[in-house]
PDB file of N, CA and C in Angstrom:
ATOM      1  N   MET A   1     -18.950   8.042  -3.466  1.00  0.00           N
ATOM      2  CA  MET A   1     -19.795   7.273  -2.570  1.00  0.00           C
ATOM      3  C   MET A   1     -19.805   7.933  -1.191  1.00  0.00           C
ATOM      4  N   LYS A   2     -20.989   8.050  -0.625  1.00  0.00           N
ATOM      5  CA  LYS A   2     -21.133   8.640   0.694  1.00  0.00           C
ATOM      6  C   LYS A   2     -20.618   7.661   1.750  1.00  0.00           C
ATOM      7  N   LYS A   3     -19.759   8.172   2.614  1.00  0.00           N
ATOM      8  CA  LYS A   3     -19.178   7.326   3.652  1.00  0.00           C
ATOM      9  C   LYS A   3     -20.055   7.374   4.904  1.00  0.00           C
ATOM     10  N   ASP A   4     -21.136   6.616   4.853  1.00  0.00           N
ATOM     11  CA  ASP A   4     -22.066   6.548   5.967  1.00  0.00           C
ATOM     12  C   ASP A   4     -21.900   5.202   6.684  1.00  0.00           C
ATOM     13  N   PHE A   5     -22.808   4.935   7.602  1.00  0.00           N
ATOM     14  CA  PHE A   5     -22.757   3.698   8.388  1.00  0.00           C
ATOM     15  C   PHE A   5     -22.707   2.465   7.493  1.00  0.00           C
ATOM     16  N   ASN A   6     -23.569   2.404   6.500  1.00  0.00           N
ATOM     17  CA  ASN A   6     -23.610   1.233   5.606  1.00  0.00           C
ATOM     18  C   ASN A   6     -22.310   1.063   4.835  1.00  0.00           C
ATOM     19  N   TYR A   7     -21.712   2.191   4.446  1.00  0.00           N
ATOM     20  CA  TYR A   7     -20.433   2.125   3.736  1.00  0.00           C
ATOM     21  C   TYR A   7     -19.380   1.432   4.613  1.00  0.00           C
ATOM     22  N   TYR A   8     -19.233   1.922   5.845  1.00  0.00           N
ATOM     23  CA  TYR A   8     -18.211   1.349   6.732  1.00  0.00           C
ATOM     24  C   TYR A   8     -18.525  -0.091   7.119  1.00  0.00           C
ATOM     25  N   MET A   9     -19.795  -0.400   7.305  1.00  0.00           N
ATOM     26  CA  MET A   9     -20.160  -1.777   7.649  1.00  0.00           C
ATOM     27  C   MET A   9     -19.851  -2.739   6.505  1.00  0.00           C
ATOM     28  N   SER A  10     -19.867  -2.250   5.282  1.00  0.00           N
ATOM     29  CA  SER A  10     -19.608  -3.121   4.127  1.00  0.00           C
ATOM     30  C   SER A  10     -18.117  -3.384   3.906  1.00  0.00           C
ATOM     31  N   LEU A  11     -17.260  -2.607   4.562  1.00  0.00           N
ATOM     32  CA  LEU A  11     -15.819  -2.806   4.377  1.00  0.00           C
ATOM     33  C   LEU A  11     -15.361  -4.074   5.083  1.00  0.00           C
ATOM     34  N   ASN A  12     -14.371  -4.712   4.518  1.00  0.00           N
ATOM     35  CA  ASN A  12     -13.855  -5.972   5.049  1.00  0.00           C
ATOM     36  C   ASN A  12     -12.725  -5.699   6.055  1.00  0.00           C
ATOM     37  N   TYR A  13     -13.109  -5.413   7.286  1.00  0.00           N
ATOM     38  CA  TYR A  13     -12.118  -5.179   8.336  1.00  0.00           C
ATOM     39  C   TYR A  13     -11.595  -6.513   8.858  1.00  0.00           C
ATOM     40  N   PRO A  14     -10.269  -6.682   8.904  1.00  0.00           N
ATOM     41  CA  PRO A  14      -9.737  -7.923   9.482  1.00  0.00           C
ATOM     42  C   PRO A  14     -10.074  -8.017  10.969  1.00  0.00           C
ATOM     43  N   VAL A  15     -10.497  -9.195  11.382  1.00  0.00           N
ATOM     44  CA  VAL A  15     -10.830  -9.472  12.780  1.00  0.00           C
ATOM     45  C   VAL A  15      -9.788 -10.431  13.331  1.00  0.00           C
ATOM     46  N   GLU A  16      -9.286 -10.144  14.513  1.00  0.00           N
ATOM     47  CA  GLU A  16      -8.350 -11.044  15.185  1.00  0.00           C
ATOM     48  C   GLU A  16      -9.055 -11.668  16.379  1.00  0.00           C
ATOM     49  N   ILE A  17      -8.957 -12.987  16.482  1.00  0.00           N
ATOM     50  CA  ILE A  17      -9.559 -13.701  17.608  1.00  0.00           C
ATOM     51  C   ILE A  17      -8.477 -14.563  18.250  1.00  0.00           C
ATOM     52  N   SER A  18      -8.363 -14.448  19.566  1.00  0.00           N
ATOM     53  CA  SER A  18      -7.366 -15.245  20.286  1.00  0.00           C
ATOM     54  C   SER A  18      -8.010 -15.901  21.509  1.00  0.00           C
ATOM     55  N   VAL A  19      -7.366 -16.953  21.969  1.00  0.00           N
ATOM     56  CA  VAL A  19      -7.856 -17.703  23.133  1.00  0.00           C
ATOM     57  C   VAL A  19      -7.483 -16.946  24.407  1.00  0.00           C
ATOM     58  N   ILE A  20      -8.428 -16.847  25.315  1.00  0.00           N
ATOM     59  CA  ILE A  20      -8.155 -16.271  26.638  1.00  0.00           C
ATOM     60  C   ILE A  20      -7.782 -17.439  27.548  1.00  0.00           C
ATOM     61  N   PRO A  21      -6.614 -17.383  28.181  1.00  0.00           N
ATOM     62  CA  PRO A  21      -6.211 -18.494  29.054  1.00  0.00           C
ATOM     63  C   PRO A  21      -7.243 -18.751  30.158  1.00  0.00           C
ATOM     64  N   GLU A  22      -7.352 -20.006  30.541  1.00  0.00           N
ATOM     65  CA  GLU A  22      -8.319 -20.409  31.582  1.00  0.00           C
ATOM     66  C   GLU A  22      -8.117 -19.636  32.883  1.00  0.00           C
ATOM     67  N   ASP A  23      -6.857 -19.383  33.254  1.00  0.00           N
ATOM     68  CA  ASP A  23      -6.597 -18.665  34.513  1.00  0.00           C
ATOM     69  C   ASP A  23      -6.996 -17.189  34.439  1.00  0.00           C
ATOM     70  N   GLU A  24      -7.354 -16.718  33.231  1.00  0.00           N
ATOM     71  CA  GLU A  24      -7.840 -15.346  33.061  1.00  0.00           C
ATOM     72  C   GLU A  24      -9.326 -15.320  32.723  1.00  0.00           C
ATOM     73  N   GLY A  25      -9.989 -16.465  32.891  1.00  0.00           N
ATOM     74  CA  GLY A  25     -11.435 -16.526  32.679  1.00  0.00           C
ATOM     75  C   GLY A  25     -11.860 -17.397  31.516  1.00  0.00           C
ATOM     76  N   GLY A  26     -10.930 -17.699  30.598  1.00  0.00           N
ATOM     77  CA  GLY A  26     -11.249 -18.555  29.461  1.00  0.00           C
ATOM     78  C   GLY A  26     -12.095 -17.854  28.415  1.00  0.00           C
ATOM     79  N   GLY A  27     -12.349 -18.552  27.335  1.00  0.00           N
ATOM     80  CA  GLY A  27     -13.143 -18.012  26.238  1.00  0.00           C
ATOM     81  C   GLY A  27     -12.256 -17.476  25.131  1.00  0.00           C
ATOM     82  N   TYR A  28     -12.798 -16.528  24.386  1.00  0.00           N
ATOM     83  CA  TYR A  28     -12.108 -15.971  23.225  1.00  0.00           C
ATOM     84  C   TYR A  28     -12.213 -14.453  23.221  1.00  0.00           C
ATOM     85  N   PHE A  29     -11.124 -13.797  22.839  1.00  0.00           N
ATOM     86  CA  PHE A  29     -11.044 -12.344  22.737  1.00  0.00           C
ATOM     87  C   PHE A  29     -11.038 -11.991  21.256  1.00  0.00           C
ATOM     88  N   ALA A  30     -11.869 -11.046  20.844  1.00  0.00           N
ATOM     89  CA  ALA A  30     -11.933 -10.620  19.452  1.00  0.00           C
ATOM     90  C   ALA A  30     -11.734  -9.109  19.370  1.00  0.00           C
ATOM     91  N   CYS A  31     -10.997  -8.694  18.342  1.00  0.00           N
ATOM     92  CA  CYS A  31     -10.811  -7.256  18.135  1.00  0.00           C
ATOM     93  C   CYS A  31     -10.653  -6.966  16.651  1.00  0.00           C
ATOM     94  N   ILE A  32     -10.867  -5.706  16.309  1.00  0.00           N
ATOM     95  CA  ILE A  32     -10.607  -5.209  14.962  1.00  0.00           C
ATOM     96  C   ILE A  32      -9.498  -4.179  15.128  1.00  0.00           C
ATOM     97  N   PRO A  33      -8.252  -4.569  14.853  1.00  0.00           N
ATOM     98  CA  PRO A  33      -7.112  -3.690  15.107  1.00  0.00           C
ATOM     99  C   PRO A  33      -7.191  -2.316  14.437  1.00  0.00           C
ATOM    100  N   LEU A  34      -7.831  -2.227  13.285  1.00  0.00           N
ATOM    101  CA  LEU A  34      -7.936  -0.934  12.604  1.00  0.00           C
ATOM    102  C   LEU A  34      -8.916   0.021  13.280  1.00  0.00           C
ATOM    103  N   LEU A  35      -9.731  -0.501  14.187  1.00  0.00           N
ATOM    104  CA  LEU A  35     -10.708   0.326  14.897  1.00  0.00           C
ATOM    105  C   LEU A  35     -10.346   0.310  16.387  1.00  0.00           C
ATOM    106  N   PRO A  36      -9.489   1.233  16.819  1.00  0.00           N
ATOM    107  CA  PRO A  36      -9.007   1.240  18.198  1.00  0.00           C
ATOM    108  C   PRO A  36     -10.147   1.220  19.221  1.00  0.00           C
ATOM    109  N   GLY A  37     -10.080   0.269  20.138  1.00  0.00           N
ATOM    110  CA  GLY A  37     -11.095   0.140  21.174  1.00  0.00           C
ATOM    111  C   GLY A  37     -12.265  -0.731  20.769  1.00  0.00           C
ATOM    112  N   CYS A  38     -12.244  -1.229  19.548  1.00  0.00           N
ATOM    113  CA  CYS A  38     -13.327  -2.099  19.075  1.00  0.00           C
ATOM    114  C   CYS A  38     -12.947  -3.541  19.391  1.00  0.00           C
ATOM    115  N   TRP A  39     -13.433  -4.012  20.537  1.00  0.00           N
ATOM    116  CA  TRP A  39     -13.110  -5.373  20.971  1.00  0.00           C
ATOM    117  C   TRP A  39     -14.262  -5.968  21.745  1.00  0.00           C
ATOM    118  N   SER A  40     -14.253  -7.278  21.840  1.00  0.00           N
ATOM    119  CA  SER A  40     -15.294  -8.002  22.554  1.00  0.00           C
ATOM    120  C   SER A  40     -14.743  -9.369  22.923  1.00  0.00           C
ATOM    121  N   ASP A  41     -15.588 -10.195  23.496  1.00  0.00           N
ATOM    122  CA  ASP A  41     -15.175 -11.561  23.810  1.00  0.00           C
ATOM    123  C   ASP A  41     -16.395 -12.476  23.726  1.00  0.00           C
ATOM    124  N   GLY A  42     -16.158 -13.749  23.985  1.00  0.00           N
ATOM    125  CA  GLY A  42     -17.244 -14.712  23.957  1.00  0.00           C
ATOM    126  C   GLY A  42     -16.779 -16.033  24.529  1.00  0.00           C
ATOM    127  N   GLU A  43     -17.725 -16.848  24.938  1.00  0.00           N
ATOM    128  CA  GLU A  43     -17.399 -18.167  25.490  1.00  0.00           C
ATOM    129  C   GLU A  43     -16.850 -19.094  24.410  1.00  0.00           C
ATOM    130  N   THR A  44     -17.351 -18.944  23.180  1.00  0.00           N
ATOM    131  CA  THR A  44     -16.896 -19.767  22.059  1.00  0.00           C
ATOM    132  C   THR A  44     -16.335 -18.854  20.973  1.00  0.00           C
ATOM    133  N   PHE A  45     -15.627 -19.451  20.033  1.00  0.00           N
ATOM    134  CA  PHE A  45     -15.082 -18.710  18.900  1.00  0.00           C
ATOM    135  C   PHE A  45     -16.219 -18.019  18.141  1.00  0.00           C
ATOM    136  N   GLU A  46     -17.277 -18.774  17.878  1.00  0.00           N
ATOM    137  CA  GLU A  46     -18.416 -18.246  17.132  1.00  0.00           C
ATOM    138  C   GLU A  46     -19.078 -17.078  17.854  1.00  0.00           C
ATOM    139  N   GLU A  47     -19.231 -17.219  19.166  1.00  0.00           N
ATOM    140  CA  GLU A  47     -19.847 -16.153  19.949  1.00  0.00           C
ATOM    141  C   GLU A  47     -18.972 -14.898  19.935  1.00  0.00           C
ATOM    142  N   ALA A  48     -17.651 -15.082  20.056  1.00  0.00           N
ATOM    143  CA  ALA A  48     -16.736 -13.935  20.019  1.00  0.00           C
ATOM    144  C   ALA A  48     -16.828 -13.223  18.671  1.00  0.00           C
ATOM    145  N   TYR A  49     -16.930 -13.993  17.596  1.00  0.00           N
ATOM    146  CA  TYR A  49     -17.039 -13.398  16.263  1.00  0.00           C
ATOM    147  C   TYR A  49     -18.360 -12.646  16.101  1.00  0.00           C
ATOM    148  N   LYS A  50     -19.446 -13.262  16.536  1.00  0.00           N
ATOM    149  CA  LYS A  50     -20.760 -12.608  16.465  1.00  0.00           C
ATOM    150  C   LYS A  50     -20.744 -11.316  17.275  1.00  0.00           C
ATOM    151  N   ASN A  51     -20.151 -11.366  18.468  1.00  0.00           N
ATOM    152  CA  ASN A  51     -20.105 -10.190  19.335  1.00  0.00           C
ATOM    153  C   ASN A  51     -19.275  -9.060  18.729  1.00  0.00           C
ATOM    154  N   ILE A  52     -18.144  -9.403  18.088  1.00  0.00           N
ATOM    155  CA  ILE A  52     -17.300  -8.334  17.541  1.00  0.00           C
ATOM    156  C   ILE A  52     -18.005  -7.644  16.376  1.00  0.00           C
ATOM    157  N   LEU A  53     -18.811  -8.390  15.618  1.00  0.00           N
ATOM    158  CA  LEU A  53     -19.555  -7.751  14.525  1.00  0.00           C
ATOM    159  C   LEU A  53     -20.597  -6.783  15.068  1.00  0.00           C
ATOM    160  N   GLU A  54     -21.221  -7.151  16.184  1.00  0.00           N
ATOM    161  CA  GLU A  54     -22.189  -6.262  16.830  1.00  0.00           C
ATOM    162  C   GLU A  54     -21.488  -5.019  17.377  1.00  0.00           C
ATOM    163  N   VAL A  55     -20.360  -5.224  18.039  1.00  0.00           N
ATOM    164  CA  VAL A  55     -19.597  -4.107  18.607  1.00  0.00           C
ATOM    165  C   VAL A  55     -19.077  -3.195  17.491  1.00  0.00           C
ATOM    166  N   LYS A  56     -18.692  -3.779  16.358  1.00  0.00           N
ATOM    167  CA  LYS A  56     -18.233  -2.983  15.208  1.00  0.00           C
ATOM    168  C   LYS A  56     -19.306  -1.970  14.820  1.00  0.00           C
ATOM    169  N   GLY A  57     -20.565  -2.413  14.738  1.00  0.00           N
ATOM    170  CA  GLY A  57     -21.653  -1.511  14.393  1.00  0.00           C
ATOM    171  C   GLY A  57     -21.819  -0.396  15.407  1.00  0.00           C
ATOM    172  N   LEU A  58     -21.776  -0.752  16.694  1.00  0.00           N
ATOM    173  CA  LEU A  58     -21.907   0.262  17.751  1.00  0.00           C
ATOM    174  C   LEU A  58     -20.732   1.238  17.721  1.00  0.00           C
ATOM    175  N   TRP A  59     -19.538   0.712  17.493  1.00  0.00           N
ATOM    176  CA  TRP A  59     -18.326   1.526  17.444  1.00  0.00           C
ATOM    177  C   TRP A  59     -18.428   2.520  16.290  1.00  0.00           C
ATOM    178  N   LEU A  60     -18.835   2.031  15.118  1.00  0.00           N
ATOM    179  CA  LEU A  60     -18.955   2.903  13.949  1.00  0.00           C
ATOM    180  C   LEU A  60     -20.020   3.977  14.165  1.00  0.00           C
ATOM    181  N   GLU A  61     -21.162   3.612  14.729  1.00  0.00           N
ATOM    182  CA  GLU A  61     -22.216   4.596  15.013  1.00  0.00           C
ATOM    183  C   GLU A  61     -21.687   5.716  15.901  1.00  0.00           C
ATOM    184  N   ASP A  62     -20.971   5.327  16.939  1.00  0.00           N
ATOM    185  CA  ASP A  62     -20.433   6.309  17.875  1.00  0.00           C
ATOM    186  C   ASP A  62     -19.453   7.257  17.184  1.00  0.00           C
ATOM    187  N   MET A  63     -18.558   6.699  16.379  1.00  0.00           N
ATOM    188  CA  MET A  63     -17.569   7.532  15.688  1.00  0.00           C
ATOM    189  C   MET A  63     -18.249   8.476  14.697  1.00  0.00           C
ATOM    190  N   LEU A  64     -19.242   7.981  13.985  1.00  0.00           N
ATOM    191  CA  LEU A  64     -19.965   8.826  13.027  1.00  0.00           C
ATOM    192  C   LEU A  64     -20.751   9.918  13.745  1.00  0.00           C
ATOM    193  N   ASP A  65     -21.402   9.567  14.861  1.00  0.00           N
ATOM    194  CA  ASP A  65     -22.154  10.559  15.633  1.00  0.00           C
ATOM    195  C   ASP A  65     -21.256  11.688  16.118  1.00  0.00           C
ATOM    196  N   ARG A  66     -20.018  11.359  16.451  1.00  0.00           N
ATOM    197  CA  ARG A  66     -19.077  12.368  16.953  1.00  0.00           C
ATOM    198  C   ARG A  66     -18.207  12.960  15.849  1.00  0.00           C
ATOM    199  N   SER A  67     -18.478  12.596  14.602  1.00  0.00           N
ATOM    200  CA  SER A  67     -17.724  13.092  13.434  1.00  0.00           C
ATOM    201  C   SER A  67     -16.217  12.874  13.589  1.00  0.00           C
ATOM    202  N   LEU A  68     -15.868  11.718  14.125  1.00  0.00           N
ATOM    203  CA  LEU A  68     -14.454  11.380  14.290  1.00  0.00           C
ATOM    204  C   LEU A  68     -13.990  10.537  13.105  1.00  0.00           C
ATOM    205  N   PRO A  69     -12.682  10.610  12.791  1.00  0.00           N
ATOM    206  CA  PRO A  69     -12.182   9.856  11.645  1.00  0.00           C
ATOM    207  C   PRO A  69     -12.232   8.344  11.895  1.00  0.00           C
ATOM    208  N   ILE A  70     -12.476   7.599  10.829  1.00  0.00           N
ATOM    209  CA  ILE A  70     -12.565   6.141  10.906  1.00  0.00           C
ATOM    210  C   ILE A  70     -11.555   5.552   9.923  1.00  0.00           C
ATOM    211  N   ASN A  71     -10.688   4.704  10.433  1.00  0.00           N
ATOM    212  CA  ASN A  71      -9.726   4.019   9.565  1.00  0.00           C
ATOM    213  C   ASN A  71     -10.456   3.085   8.615  1.00  0.00           C
ATOM    214  N   GLU A  72      -9.884   2.929   7.430  1.00  0.00           N
ATOM    215  CA  GLU A  72     -10.432   1.992   6.453  1.00  0.00           C
ATOM    216  C   GLU A  72      -9.369   0.945   6.140  1.00  0.00           C
ATOM    217  N   PRO A  73      -9.808  -0.281   5.881  1.00  0.00           N
ATOM    218  CA  PRO A  73      -8.827  -1.302   5.503  1.00  0.00           C
ATOM    219  C   PRO A  73      -8.213  -0.967   4.149  1.00  0.00           C
ATOM    220  N   ASN A  74      -6.968  -1.351   3.989  1.00  0.00           N
ATOM    221  CA  ASN A  74      -6.276  -1.145   2.717  1.00  0.00           C
ATOM    222  C   ASN A  74      -6.896  -2.086   1.699  1.00  0.00           C
ATOM    223  N   MET A  75      -7.461  -1.549   0.647  1.00  0.00           N
ATOM    224  CA  MET A  75      -8.150  -2.362  -0.341  1.00  0.00           C
ATOM    225  C   MET A  75      -7.197  -2.944  -1.390  1.00  0.00           C
ATOM    226  N   LYS A  76      -5.947  -2.473  -1.383  1.00  0.00           N
ATOM    227  CA  LYS A  76      -4.973  -2.987  -2.341  1.00  0.00           C
ATOM    228  C   LYS A  76      -4.396  -4.288  -1.808  1.00  0.00           C
ATOM    229  N   PRO A  77      -4.093  -5.231  -2.702  1.00  0.00           N
ATOM    230  CA  PRO A  77      -3.454  -6.465  -2.233  1.00  0.00           C
ATOM    231  C   PRO A  77      -2.111  -6.145  -1.577  1.00  0.00           C
ATOM    232  N   ARG A  78      -1.824  -6.812  -0.479  1.00  0.00           N
ATOM    233  CA  ARG A  78      -0.562  -6.567   0.218  1.00  0.00           C
ATOM    234  C   ARG A  78       0.638  -7.098  -0.533  1.00  0.00           C
ATOM    235  N   PHE A  79       0.461  -8.173  -1.282  1.00  0.00           N
ATOM    236  CA  PHE A  79       1.592  -8.808  -1.929  1.00  0.00           C
ATOM    237  C   PHE A  79       1.334  -8.919  -3.426  1.00  0.00           C
ATOM    238  N   SER A  80       2.244  -8.385  -4.202  1.00  0.00           N
ATOM    239  CA  SER A  80       2.094  -8.416  -5.654  1.00  0.00           C
ATOM    240  C   SER A  80       2.725  -9.656  -6.266  1.00  0.00           C
ATOM    241  N   GLY A  81       3.592 -10.345  -5.509  1.00  0.00           N
ATOM    242  CA  GLY A  81       4.315 -11.476  -6.073  1.00  0.00           C
ATOM    243  C   GLY A  81       5.607 -11.023  -6.727  1.00  0.00           C
ATOM    244  N   ARG A  82       5.909  -9.769  -6.570  1.00  0.00           N
ATOM    245  CA  ARG A  82       7.100  -9.212  -7.199  1.00  0.00           C
ATOM    246  C   ARG A  82       7.950  -8.522  -6.128  1.00  0.00           C
ATOM    247  N   PHE A  83       9.264  -8.715  -6.206  1.00  0.00           N
ATOM    248  CA  PHE A  83      10.156  -7.947  -5.359  1.00  0.00           C
ATOM    249  C   PHE A  83      11.433  -7.654  -6.130  1.00  0.00           C
ATOM    250  N   VAL A  84      12.110  -6.590  -5.756  1.00  0.00           N
ATOM    251  CA  VAL A  84      13.293  -6.145  -6.471  1.00  0.00           C
ATOM    252  C   VAL A  84      14.507  -6.342  -5.575  1.00  0.00           C
ATOM    253  N   VAL A  85      15.554  -6.934  -6.167  1.00  0.00           N
ATOM    254  CA  VAL A  85      16.797  -7.165  -5.427  1.00  0.00           C
ATOM    255  C   VAL A  85      17.954  -6.657  -6.276  1.00  0.00           C
ATOM    256  N   ARG A  86      18.829  -5.895  -5.678  1.00  0.00           N
ATOM    257  CA  ARG A  86      20.007  -5.437  -6.398  1.00  0.00           C
ATOM    258  C   ARG A  86      21.085  -6.504  -6.296  1.00  0.00           C
ATOM    259  N   VAL A  87      21.667  -6.836  -7.450  1.00  0.00           N
ATOM    260  CA  VAL A  87      22.764  -7.815  -7.504  1.00  0.00           C
ATOM    261  C   VAL A  87      23.867  -7.234  -8.377  1.00  0.00           C
ATOM    262  N   PRO A  88      25.083  -7.748  -8.252  1.00  0.00           N
ATOM    263  CA  PRO A  88      26.165  -7.270  -9.122  1.00  0.00           C
ATOM    264  C   PRO A  88      25.842  -7.551 -10.596  1.00  0.00           C
ATOM    265  N   LYS A  89      26.356  -6.692 -11.477  1.00  0.00           N
ATOM    266  CA  LYS A  89      26.087  -6.834 -12.908  1.00  0.00           C
ATOM    267  C   LYS A  89      26.507  -8.201 -13.434  1.00  0.00           C
ATOM    268  N   THR A  90      27.629  -8.727 -12.941  1.00  0.00           N
ATOM    269  CA  THR A  90      28.090 -10.033 -13.434  1.00  0.00           C
ATOM    270  C   THR A  90      27.108 -11.139 -13.063  1.00  0.00           C
ATOM    271  N   LEU A  91      26.564 -11.091 -11.855  1.00  0.00           N
ATOM    272  CA  LEU A  91      25.573 -12.090 -11.437  1.00  0.00           C
ATOM    273  C   LEU A  91      24.304 -11.941 -12.270  1.00  0.00           C
ATOM    274  N   HIS A  92      23.903 -10.697 -12.532  1.00  0.00           N
ATOM    275  CA  HIS A  92      22.726 -10.434 -13.352  1.00  0.00           C
ATOM    276  C   HIS A  92      22.911 -11.061 -14.742  1.00  0.00           C
ATOM    277  N   ARG A  93      24.089 -10.862 -15.328  1.00  0.00           N
ATOM    278  CA  ARG A  93      24.375 -11.427 -16.642  1.00  0.00           C
ATOM    279  C   ARG A  93      24.300 -12.943 -16.612  1.00  0.00           C
ATOM    280  N   LEU A  94      24.926 -13.563 -15.588  1.00  0.00           N
ATOM    281  CA  LEU A  94      24.908 -15.026 -15.473  1.00  0.00           C
ATOM    282  C   LEU A  94      23.477 -15.558 -15.317  1.00  0.00           C
ATOM    283  N   LEU A  95      22.674 -14.893 -14.497  1.00  0.00           N
ATOM    284  CA  LEU A  95      21.289 -15.315 -14.303  1.00  0.00           C
ATOM    285  C   LEU A  95      20.479 -15.173 -15.589  1.00  0.00           C
ATOM    286  N   ALA A  96      20.688 -14.073 -16.306  1.00  0.00           N
ATOM    287  CA  ALA A  96      19.960 -13.861 -17.562  1.00  0.00           C
ATOM    288  C   ALA A  96      20.342 -14.921 -18.591  1.00  0.00           C
ATOM    289  N   GLU A  97      21.637 -15.233 -18.676  1.00  0.00           N
ATOM    290  CA  GLU A  97      22.089 -16.264 -19.630  1.00  0.00           C
ATOM    291  C   GLU A  97      21.516 -17.628 -19.276  1.00  0.00           C
ATOM    292  N   GLU A  98      21.534 -17.963 -17.998  1.00  0.00           N
ATOM    293  CA  GLU A  98      20.992 -19.262 -17.556  1.00  0.00           C
ATOM    294  C   GLU A  98      19.486 -19.328 -17.812  1.00  0.00           C
ATOM    295  N   SER A  99      18.815 -18.219 -17.574  1.00  0.00           N
ATOM    296  CA  SER A  99      17.376 -18.168 -17.826  1.00  0.00           C
ATOM    297  C   SER A  99      17.084 -18.419 -19.297  1.00  0.00           C
ATOM    298  N   GLU A 100      17.868 -17.802 -20.166  1.00  0.00           N
ATOM    299  CA  GLU A 100      17.679 -18.015 -21.608  1.00  0.00           C
ATOM    300  C   GLU A 100      17.900 -19.475 -21.969  1.00  0.00           C
ATOM    301  N   ARG A 101      18.934 -20.099 -21.389  1.00  0.00           N
ATOM    302  CA  ARG A 101      19.209 -21.517 -21.666  1.00  0.00           C
ATOM    303  C   ARG A 101      18.058 -22.391 -21.190  1.00  0.00           C
ATOM    304  N   GLU A 102      17.536 -22.100 -20.010  1.00  0.00           N
ATOM    305  CA  GLU A 102      16.429 -22.904 -19.478  1.00  0.00           C
ATOM    306  C   GLU A 102      15.187 -22.780 -20.340  1.00  0.00           C
ATOM    307  N   VAL A 103      14.866 -21.578 -20.769  1.00  0.00           N
ATOM    308  CA  VAL A 103      13.712 -21.391 -21.637  1.00  0.00           C
ATOM    309  C   VAL A 103      13.927 -22.148 -22.932  1.00  0.00           C
ATOM    310  N   LEU A 104      15.121 -22.047 -23.487  1.00  0.00           N
ATOM    311  CA  LEU A 104      15.425 -22.763 -24.723  1.00  0.00           C
ATOM    312  C   LEU A 104      15.302 -24.263 -24.509  1.00  0.00           C
ATOM    313  N   SER A 105      15.819 -24.753 -23.380  1.00  0.00           N
ATOM    314  CA  SER A 105      15.758 -26.193 -23.158  1.00  0.00           C
ATOM    315  C   SER A 105      14.319 -26.657 -22.946  1.00  0.00           C
ATOM    316  N   ILE A 106      13.483 -25.852 -22.338  1.00  0.00           N
ATOM    317  CA  ILE A 106      12.079 -26.211 -22.150  1.00  0.00           C
ATOM    318  C   ILE A 106      11.383 -26.267 -23.506  1.00  0.00           C
ATOM    319  N   VAL A 107      11.632 -25.271 -24.339  1.00  0.00           N
ATOM    320  CA  VAL A 107      11.036 -25.244 -25.672  1.00  0.00           C
ATOM    321  C   VAL A 107      11.527 -26.451 -26.477  1.00  0.00           C
ATOM    322  N   LEU A 108      12.803 -26.745 -26.419  1.00  0.00           N
ATOM    323  CA  LEU A 108      13.381 -27.866 -27.136  1.00  0.00           C
ATOM    324  C   LEU A 108      12.774 -29.185 -26.661  1.00  0.00           C
ATOM    325  N   ARG A 109      12.630 -29.351 -25.332  1.00  0.00           N
ATOM    326  CA  ARG A 109      12.022 -30.582 -24.789  1.00  0.00           C
ATOM    327  C   ARG A 109      10.606 -30.750 -25.294  1.00  0.00           C
ATOM    328  N   LYS A 110       9.816 -29.689 -25.278  1.00  0.00           N
ATOM    329  CA  LYS A 110       8.434 -29.769 -25.754  1.00  0.00           C
ATOM    330  C   LYS A 110       8.393 -30.119 -27.243  1.00  0.00           C
ATOM    331  N   PHE A 111       9.309 -29.536 -27.997  1.00  0.00           N
ATOM    332  CA  PHE A 111       9.371 -29.810 -29.425  1.00  0.00           C
ATOM    333  C   PHE A 111       9.702 -31.290 -29.654  1.00  0.00           C
ATOM    334  N   LEU A 112      10.673 -31.790 -28.908  1.00  0.00           N
ATOM    335  CA  LEU A 112      11.100 -33.195 -29.093  1.00  0.00           C
ATOM    336  C   LEU A 112       9.999 -34.163 -28.639  1.00  0.00           C
ATOM    337  N   GLN A 113       9.179 -33.779 -27.684  1.00  0.00           N
ATOM    338  CA  GLN A 113       8.114 -34.656 -27.192  1.00  0.00           C
ATOM    339  C   GLN A 113       7.018 -34.852 -28.247  1.00  0.00           C
ATOM    340  N   THR A 114       6.951 -33.948 -29.201  1.00  0.00           N
ATOM    341  CA  THR A 114       5.935 -34.082 -30.232  1.00  0.00           C
ATOM    342  C   THR A 114       6.268 -35.174 -31.245  1.00  0.00           C
ATOM    343  N   PHE A 115       7.529 -35.636 -31.253  1.00  0.00           N
ATOM    344  CA  PHE A 115       7.945 -36.706 -32.198  1.00  0.00           C
ATOM    345  C   PHE A 115       7.942 -38.052 -31.572  1.00  0.00           C
TER     346      PHE A 115
END
């Protein structure tokens, strides 16, 4: 796939929006952290979001015109739901045995519920 303007615009870049304190002018600040310098603001949350999408397009055009590299969001899920922990062999054995008992007891309970 050709990595042109439309390609980059179609990517799902995370947008961060935060409140600007009243003593600093108020409103909302929006940025796309993966695109350094791509930021905007707005009086309302919605306006800040609309503005950052417009600035994203201008930012991408500029980078493409200058043939500069553009970061892409990581398309892989961040969390698989799996993690690995090293434990002593004896604890591993105890956990495996307990797991087997629990599975057996669940199967046994389901079997008994049918009567």
